[in-house]
Amino acid sequence: MNDATHSFAGDTAITGHRRRGPIPPPGPPAHGSLLPNGPPQPAAPRQPAECGALPFVIRRDGTWLYRGSPIARKEMVCLFASVLRRDEDGDFWLETPAERGRIAVEDAPFLAVELDWRGCGRDQVLTFRTNVDELVTAGPEHPIRIAHDLLTCEPTPYLLVRRGAGRLNIEARISRAVYYELVALAEPGELHGRRVLGVWSQRCFYSLGDLPPCED
């Protein structure tokens, strides 16, 4: 992984030269850098340098690949995951204050691999652990959604982890084992006029699927 850390090393990618000799006195301020009889104007935020497409892929099972090879060190995966961003177009980026590059993601970048719950009914709280050891509690800021395969109609649950810059967010796909745990905690309810089976977390009700219509 030396190549990976060298090619995308955050602030360490930008180096400078140390000045030798005495420090010259400061010159006059640049035009427009000071307000009349006031404090200096805030500096414009520096935009990270564009690196183009980086040779990273996040597989559907949560495996991170660099140049086609799995990244074995979990600490390195967690480091990269902490700087993962999603732009207005839905593209994924690794971004630091110094540089950023686009990466490929097959499905959701994270996987929810463990569930902890406490309470019951409306007071129930569901907390998920992701494959990068981030704890996310389902609720108003981190809703659960269900997507269905267009061909098989098989449900795939997702958990919002972080907001994206646009309408598409950074999510974790809930693993099958954890989904079965949710089903075991589910109860019937009504959502948007439909009878569904769902779970509560932080007083929010999330559908896991429609219930069959009642027979007369």
Foldseek 3Di string as FASTA:
>chain_A
DVVVCQLPVAPVVDDDDDDDDDDDDDDDDDPPQPDVVGHGDDDDQQAAAEPEAAQWEQEPVQFIDHVRHTDPDLVVVLVQVVQWAAEAVRWIWRDHSHHIYTYHYPPANKAFDDWDWDDADQAIWIWTQIPSRDIDIDDPQKHKAWDADPPPRDIWIWIFDAQHNHPDGHIHTYDPVVVVVQQVRWDWDDDPRFIATWGHHNRDTYGPGGDDDDDD
